């Protein structure tokens, strides 16, 4: 599945292809935002790690789950 992350003050978004399910991604994002950790780490399908500064996350979109998109996790 694909995870798209909008970055504050940027016209582009990050796109990461991950294995697993949407619930795992949602859990990781919620933990990073609630614990105010400095970086959200996602493991991509190739085994690489992608780090995104939590304070720069504008939104997270999960694509490829049952043909639906899930949007959320705005950081004000």
C-alpha atoms as a PDB file:
ATOM      1  CA  UNK A   1       0.000   0.000   0.000  1.00  0.00           C
ATOM      2  CA  UNK A   2       1.079   3.580  -0.458  1.00  0.00           C
ATOM      3  CA  UNK A   3       1.370   6.155   2.323  1.00  0.00           C
ATOM      4  CA  UNK A   4       1.425   9.805   1.267  1.00  0.00           C
ATOM      5  CA  UNK A   5       2.617  12.393   3.760  1.00  0.00           C
ATOM      6  CA  UNK A   6       2.016  16.092   3.208  1.00  0.00           C
ATOM      7  CA  UNK A   7       4.833  18.282   4.472  1.00  0.00           C
ATOM      8  CA  UNK A   8       4.231  21.797   5.800  1.00  0.00           C
ATOM      9  CA  UNK A   9       5.591  24.616   3.614  1.00  0.00           C
ATOM     10  CA  UNK A  10       6.203  22.245   0.692  1.00  0.00           C
ATOM     11  CA  UNK A  11       4.337  21.824  -2.572  1.00  0.00           C
ATOM     12  CA  UNK A  12       5.309  18.170  -2.750  1.00  0.00           C
ATOM     13  CA  UNK A  13       4.295  15.203  -0.672  1.00  0.00           C
ATOM     14  CA  UNK A  14       6.311  12.176   0.361  1.00  0.00           C
ATOM     15  CA  UNK A  15       5.154   8.848  -1.023  1.00  0.00           C
ATOM     16  CA  UNK A  16       6.255   5.647   0.714  1.00  0.00           C
ATOM     17  CA  UNK A  17       5.248   2.135  -0.363  1.00  0.00           C
ATOM     18  CA  UNK A  18       4.904  -0.024   2.734  1.00  0.00           C
ATOM     19  CA  UNK A  19       4.054  -3.636   3.479  1.00  0.00           C
ATOM     20  CA  UNK A  20       1.529  -4.390   6.172  1.00  0.00           C
ATOM     21  CA  UNK A  21      -1.871  -2.950   6.814  1.00  0.00           C
ATOM     22  CA  UNK A  22      -3.369   0.467   7.360  1.00  0.00           C
ATOM     23  CA  UNK A  23      -3.902  -0.136  11.075  1.00  0.00           C
ATOM     24  CA  UNK A  24      -0.136  -0.496  11.609  1.00  0.00           C
ATOM     25  CA  UNK A  25       0.536   2.807   9.847  1.00  0.00           C
ATOM     26  CA  UNK A  26      -2.251   4.568  11.742  1.00  0.00           C
ATOM     27  CA  UNK A  27      -0.885   3.234  15.035  1.00  0.00           C
ATOM     28  CA  UNK A  28       2.647   4.443  14.210  1.00  0.00           C
ATOM     29  CA  UNK A  29       1.408   7.914  13.264  1.00  0.00           C
ATOM     30  CA  UNK A  30      -0.797   8.205  16.346  1.00  0.00           C
ATOM     31  CA  UNK A  31       2.061   7.190  18.631  1.00  0.00           C
ATOM     32  CA  UNK A  32       4.468   9.655  16.997  1.00  0.00           C
ATOM     33  CA  UNK A  33       1.966  12.516  17.300  1.00  0.00           C
ATOM     34  CA  UNK A  34       0.747  11.753  20.822  1.00  0.00           C
ATOM     35  CA  UNK A  35       4.173  11.151  22.334  1.00  0.00           C
ATOM     36  CA  UNK A  36       5.613  14.152  20.521  1.00  0.00           C
ATOM     37  CA  UNK A  37       8.539  12.141  19.206  1.00  0.00           C
ATOM     38  CA  UNK A  38      10.720  14.189  16.849  1.00  0.00           C
ATOM     39  CA  UNK A  39      10.569  11.773  13.889  1.00  0.00           C
ATOM     40  CA  UNK A  40       7.990   9.400  12.410  1.00  0.00           C
ATOM     41  CA  UNK A  41       9.825   6.385  10.981  1.00  0.00           C
ATOM     42  CA  UNK A  42       8.230   4.279   8.237  1.00  0.00           C
ATOM     43  CA  UNK A  43       9.756   1.107   6.789  1.00  0.00           C
ATOM     44  CA  UNK A  44       9.237   0.943   3.037  1.00  0.00           C
ATOM     45  CA  UNK A  45       8.619  -2.208   0.997  1.00  0.00           C
ATOM     46  CA  UNK A  46      12.332  -2.383   0.046  1.00  0.00           C
ATOM     47  CA  UNK A  47      13.442  -2.503   3.676  1.00  0.00           C
ATOM     48  CA  UNK A  48      14.637   1.100   3.812  1.00  0.00           C
ATOM     49  CA  UNK A  49      13.569   3.491   6.577  1.00  0.00           C
ATOM     50  CA  UNK A  50      12.099   6.913   5.903  1.00  0.00           C
ATOM     51  CA  UNK A  51      12.107   9.535   8.660  1.00  0.00           C
ATOM     52  CA  UNK A  52       9.676  12.449   8.660  1.00  0.00           C
ATOM     53  CA  UNK A  53       9.894  15.248  11.243  1.00  0.00           C
ATOM     54  CA  UNK A  54       6.620  15.064  13.166  1.00  0.00           C
ATOM     55  CA  UNK A  55       6.276  18.825  13.482  1.00  0.00           C
ATOM     56  CA  UNK A  56       6.314  19.117   9.662  1.00  0.00           C
ATOM     57  CA  UNK A  57       3.484  16.628   8.979  1.00  0.00           C
ATOM     58  CA  UNK A  58       0.465  18.322   7.413  1.00  0.00           C
ATOM     59  CA  UNK A  59      -1.516  15.156   6.633  1.00  0.00           C
ATOM     60  CA  UNK A  60      -1.200  11.413   6.105  1.00  0.00           C
ATOM     61  CA  UNK A  61      -3.097   9.603   3.349  1.00  0.00           C
ATOM     62  CA  UNK A  62      -3.234   5.815   3.139  1.00  0.00           C
ATOM     63  CA  UNK A  63      -3.954   4.526  -0.373  1.00  0.00           C
ATOM     64  CA  UNK A  64      -4.613   0.966  -1.450  1.00  0.00           C
ATOM     65  CA  UNK A  65      -6.745  -0.357   1.385  1.00  0.00           C
ATOM     66  CA  UNK A  66      -9.923  -1.935   0.006  1.00  0.00           C
ATOM     67  CA  UNK A  67      -9.938   0.610  -2.815  1.00  0.00           C
ATOM     68  CA  UNK A  68     -10.559   3.461  -0.386  1.00  0.00           C
ATOM     69  CA  UNK A  69      -8.374   6.329   0.751  1.00  0.00           C
ATOM     70  CA  UNK A  70      -8.094   7.356   4.374  1.00  0.00           C
ATOM     71  CA  UNK A  71      -7.086  10.889   5.204  1.00  0.00           C
ATOM     72  CA  UNK A  72      -6.277  12.367   8.548  1.00  0.00           C
ATOM     73  CA  UNK A  73      -3.782  13.217  11.243  1.00  0.00           C
ATOM     74  CA  UNK A  74      -3.552  16.954  10.607  1.00  0.00           C
ATOM     75  CA  UNK A  75      -0.940  18.621  12.779  1.00  0.00           C
ATOM     76  CA  UNK A  76      -1.856  22.167  13.770  1.00  0.00           C
END
